[in-house]
């Protein structure tokens, strides 16, 4: 699903428009750092839950018994989907 959100080859780029690639074809620091992805996920969950409360919905995102969402766990979840 996330692949459909934007045309960038990375799921979590630092920006949507891709950076130029190096002469060797390798990407140069385009991925968002893990700590920022974790912050983004936390903010997203907070936003979803606030919207659920505002709209009187009961299907908010529950607390994760394993702790805060981390980029590594989220990526594994995507790979299994």
N, C-alpha and C. Protein backbone atom coordinates (compact mmCIF):
# COMPACT_ATOMS: atom_id res chain seq x y z
N UNK A 1 0.81 -1.19 0.00
CA UNK A 1 0.00 0.00 0.00
C UNK A 1 0.86 1.26 0.00
N UNK A 2 1.89 1.30 0.84
CA UNK A 2 2.73 2.50 0.91
C UNK A 2 3.41 2.80 -0.42
N UNK A 3 3.70 1.74 -1.19
CA UNK A 3 4.35 1.96 -2.47
C UNK A 3 3.51 2.83 -3.39
N UNK A 4 2.22 2.87 -3.16
CA UNK A 4 1.32 3.64 -4.02
C UNK A 4 1.20 5.11 -3.61
N UNK A 5 1.77 5.47 -2.46
CA UNK A 5 1.64 6.84 -1.98
C UNK A 5 2.48 7.83 -2.77
N UNK A 6 3.60 7.36 -3.31
CA UNK A 6 4.48 8.25 -4.06
C UNK A 6 5.37 7.41 -4.97
N UNK A 7 5.99 8.03 -5.96
CA UNK A 7 6.81 7.29 -6.92
C UNK A 7 8.24 7.03 -6.48
N UNK A 8 8.64 7.53 -5.31
CA UNK A 8 10.02 7.37 -4.85
C UNK A 8 10.32 5.89 -4.61
N UNK A 9 11.54 5.42 -4.89
CA UNK A 9 11.87 4.02 -4.68
C UNK A 9 11.96 3.61 -3.21
N UNK A 10 12.11 4.59 -2.29
CA UNK A 10 12.15 4.29 -0.86
C UNK A 10 10.79 4.54 -0.24
N UNK A 11 10.42 3.72 0.75
CA UNK A 11 9.15 3.93 1.43
C UNK A 11 9.17 5.17 2.31
N UNK A 12 10.32 5.47 2.92
CA UNK A 12 10.45 6.60 3.84
C UNK A 12 11.57 7.53 3.38
N UNK A 13 11.39 8.21 2.27
CA UNK A 13 12.44 9.12 1.80
C UNK A 13 12.47 10.39 2.64
N UNK A 14 13.59 11.11 2.57
CA UNK A 14 13.67 12.37 3.29
C UNK A 14 12.82 13.43 2.60
N UNK A 15 12.57 13.24 1.34
CA UNK A 15 11.64 14.07 0.58
C UNK A 15 11.11 13.23 -0.58
N UNK A 16 10.01 13.62 -1.17
CA UNK A 16 9.38 12.81 -2.21
C UNK A 16 10.14 12.87 -3.53
N UNK A 17 10.59 14.05 -3.94
CA UNK A 17 11.36 14.14 -5.18
C UNK A 17 12.73 13.49 -4.96
N UNK A 18 13.08 12.49 -5.76
CA UNK A 18 14.36 11.80 -5.54
C UNK A 18 15.56 12.72 -5.76
N UNK A 19 16.60 12.47 -4.99
CA UNK A 19 17.87 13.17 -5.17
C UNK A 19 18.58 12.56 -6.38
N UNK A 20 19.52 13.28 -6.92
CA UNK A 20 20.33 12.73 -8.01
C UNK A 20 21.18 11.59 -7.46
N UNK A 21 21.39 10.59 -8.27
CA UNK A 21 22.23 9.47 -7.86
C UNK A 21 23.69 9.76 -8.18
N UNK A 22 24.55 9.12 -7.45
CA UNK A 22 25.99 9.25 -7.70
C UNK A 22 26.32 8.57 -9.02
N UNK A 23 27.51 8.83 -9.54
CA UNK A 23 27.94 8.23 -10.80
C UNK A 23 27.92 6.71 -10.74
N UNK A 24 28.13 6.13 -9.54
CA UNK A 24 28.12 4.67 -9.42
C UNK A 24 26.70 4.11 -9.28
N UNK A 25 25.69 4.97 -9.31
CA UNK A 25 24.30 4.52 -9.25
C UNK A 25 23.75 4.31 -7.85
N UNK A 26 24.59 4.48 -6.82
CA UNK A 26 24.12 4.29 -5.45
C UNK A 26 23.42 5.54 -4.95
N UNK A 27 22.40 5.35 -4.15
CA UNK A 27 21.70 6.50 -3.58
C UNK A 27 22.56 7.14 -2.51
N UNK A 28 22.36 8.41 -2.31
CA UNK A 28 23.19 9.15 -1.37
C UNK A 28 22.36 9.72 -0.22
N UNK A 29 22.19 8.95 0.83
CA UNK A 29 21.52 9.44 2.02
C UNK A 29 20.08 9.86 1.81
N UNK A 30 19.32 9.14 1.02
CA UNK A 30 17.95 9.53 0.74
C UNK A 30 16.96 9.03 1.79
N UNK A 31 17.31 7.97 2.46
CA UNK A 31 16.36 7.39 3.42
C UNK A 31 16.28 8.26 4.67
N UNK A 32 15.11 8.28 5.25
CA UNK A 32 14.89 9.04 6.48
C UNK A 32 15.52 8.27 7.63
N UNK A 33 16.19 8.94 8.56
CA UNK A 33 16.81 8.24 9.70
C UNK A 33 15.76 7.56 10.57
N UNK A 34 16.17 6.45 11.20
CA UNK A 34 15.25 5.67 12.02
C UNK A 34 14.57 6.49 13.10
N UNK A 35 15.32 7.38 13.76
CA UNK A 35 14.72 8.15 14.85
C UNK A 35 13.62 9.07 14.33
N UNK A 36 13.79 9.63 13.13
CA UNK A 36 12.74 10.50 12.58
C UNK A 36 11.54 9.69 12.12
N UNK A 37 11.78 8.48 11.60
CA UNK A 37 10.66 7.61 11.21
C UNK A 37 9.86 7.26 12.45
N UNK A 38 10.54 6.94 13.56
CA UNK A 38 9.83 6.61 14.80
C UNK A 38 9.00 7.79 15.28
N UNK A 39 9.57 9.00 15.20
CA UNK A 39 8.81 10.19 15.59
C UNK A 39 7.60 10.38 14.67
N UNK A 40 7.80 10.17 13.37
CA UNK A 40 6.70 10.30 12.42
C UNK A 40 5.59 9.30 12.72
N UNK A 41 5.98 8.05 13.03
CA UNK A 41 4.98 7.02 13.33
C UNK A 41 4.21 7.38 14.60
N UNK A 42 4.91 7.89 15.60
CA UNK A 42 4.25 8.29 16.85
C UNK A 42 3.26 9.42 16.58
N UNK A 43 3.68 10.41 15.80
CA UNK A 43 2.79 11.52 15.46
C UNK A 43 1.60 11.04 14.64
N UNK A 44 1.83 10.10 13.73
CA UNK A 44 0.75 9.57 12.91
C UNK A 44 -0.29 8.85 13.77
N UNK A 45 0.19 8.01 14.68
CA UNK A 45 -0.73 7.28 15.58
C UNK A 45 -1.51 8.28 16.43
N UNK A 46 -0.85 9.30 16.93
CA UNK A 46 -1.54 10.33 17.72
C UNK A 46 -2.60 11.04 16.90
N UNK A 47 -2.26 11.37 15.66
CA UNK A 47 -3.22 12.05 14.78
C UNK A 47 -4.43 11.15 14.50
N UNK A 48 -4.17 9.88 14.16
CA UNK A 48 -5.28 8.95 13.89
C UNK A 48 -6.18 8.84 15.12
N UNK A 49 -5.58 8.67 16.28
CA UNK A 49 -6.37 8.50 17.50
C UNK A 49 -7.15 9.77 17.85
N UNK A 50 -6.55 10.94 17.61
CA UNK A 50 -7.27 12.20 17.85
C UNK A 50 -8.45 12.33 16.90
N UNK A 51 -8.25 11.95 15.65
CA UNK A 51 -9.36 11.98 14.68
C UNK A 51 -10.46 11.00 15.06
N UNK A 52 -10.06 9.83 15.55
CA UNK A 52 -11.07 8.86 16.00
C UNK A 52 -11.89 9.43 17.15
N UNK A 53 -11.21 10.04 18.12
CA UNK A 53 -11.93 10.65 19.25
C UNK A 53 -12.85 11.76 18.75
N UNK A 54 -12.33 12.61 17.89
CA UNK A 54 -13.10 13.75 17.38
C UNK A 54 -14.36 13.29 16.65
N UNK A 55 -14.26 12.18 15.98
CA UNK A 55 -15.38 11.67 15.19
C UNK A 55 -16.23 10.64 15.94
N UNK A 56 -15.88 10.40 17.21
CA UNK A 56 -16.65 9.45 18.01
C UNK A 56 -16.44 8.00 17.60
N UNK A 57 -15.31 7.72 16.99
CA UNK A 57 -15.02 6.34 16.55
C UNK A 57 -14.34 5.58 17.68
N UNK A 58 -14.50 4.27 17.66
CA UNK A 58 -13.90 3.43 18.70
C UNK A 58 -12.77 2.56 18.14
N UNK A 59 -12.40 2.76 16.88
CA UNK A 59 -11.39 1.91 16.25
C UNK A 59 -10.03 2.60 16.17
N UNK A 60 -9.64 3.25 17.26
CA UNK A 60 -8.34 3.91 17.33
C UNK A 60 -7.22 2.87 17.31
N UNK A 61 -6.01 3.33 17.08
CA UNK A 61 -4.85 2.44 17.09
C UNK A 61 -4.47 2.21 18.55
N UNK A 62 -4.50 0.96 19.01
CA UNK A 62 -4.21 0.68 20.43
C UNK A 62 -2.72 0.80 20.74
N UNK A 63 -2.41 0.94 22.03
CA UNK A 63 -1.02 0.91 22.45
C UNK A 63 -0.43 -0.44 22.10
N UNK A 64 0.81 -0.45 21.70
CA UNK A 64 1.50 -1.69 21.35
C UNK A 64 2.13 -2.26 22.61
N UNK A 65 1.80 -3.50 22.97
CA UNK A 65 2.38 -4.08 24.19
C UNK A 65 3.90 -4.23 24.11
N UNK A 66 4.46 -4.21 22.90
CA UNK A 66 5.91 -4.34 22.74
C UNK A 66 6.63 -3.00 22.84
N UNK A 67 5.88 -1.93 23.02
CA UNK A 67 6.49 -0.61 23.15
C UNK A 67 6.24 0.27 21.95
N UNK A 68 6.90 1.42 21.91
CA UNK A 68 6.69 2.36 20.81
C UNK A 68 7.05 1.75 19.45
N UNK A 69 6.37 2.21 18.41
CA UNK A 69 6.70 1.74 17.07
C UNK A 69 8.09 2.21 16.70
N UNK A 70 8.86 1.33 16.12
CA UNK A 70 10.20 1.67 15.65
C UNK A 70 10.27 1.33 14.17
N UNK A 71 11.12 2.01 13.47
CA UNK A 71 11.24 1.80 12.02
C UNK A 71 11.52 0.35 11.69
N UNK A 72 12.39 -0.30 12.44
CA UNK A 72 12.74 -1.69 12.13
C UNK A 72 11.54 -2.62 12.26
N UNK A 73 10.71 -2.42 13.29
CA UNK A 73 9.51 -3.25 13.46
C UNK A 73 8.49 -2.95 12.39
N UNK A 74 8.35 -1.68 12.05
CA UNK A 74 7.38 -1.29 11.03
C UNK A 74 7.77 -1.85 9.67
N UNK A 75 9.03 -1.81 9.35
CA UNK A 75 9.49 -2.35 8.07
C UNK A 75 9.30 -3.85 8.00
N UNK A 76 9.54 -4.56 9.12
CA UNK A 76 9.30 -6.01 9.11
C UNK A 76 7.83 -6.30 8.88
N UNK A 77 6.97 -5.50 9.47
CA UNK A 77 5.53 -5.68 9.28
C UNK A 77 5.17 -5.51 7.81
N UNK A 78 5.73 -4.51 7.16
CA UNK A 78 5.47 -4.29 5.75
C UNK A 78 5.97 -5.42 4.89
N UNK A 79 7.12 -5.98 5.24
CA UNK A 79 7.69 -7.06 4.46
C UNK A 79 6.83 -8.31 4.54
N UNK A 80 6.14 -8.51 5.66
CA UNK A 80 5.30 -9.69 5.85
C UNK A 80 3.92 -9.53 5.24
N UNK A 81 3.55 -8.31 4.91
CA UNK A 81 2.20 -8.04 4.41
C UNK A 81 2.01 -8.51 2.99
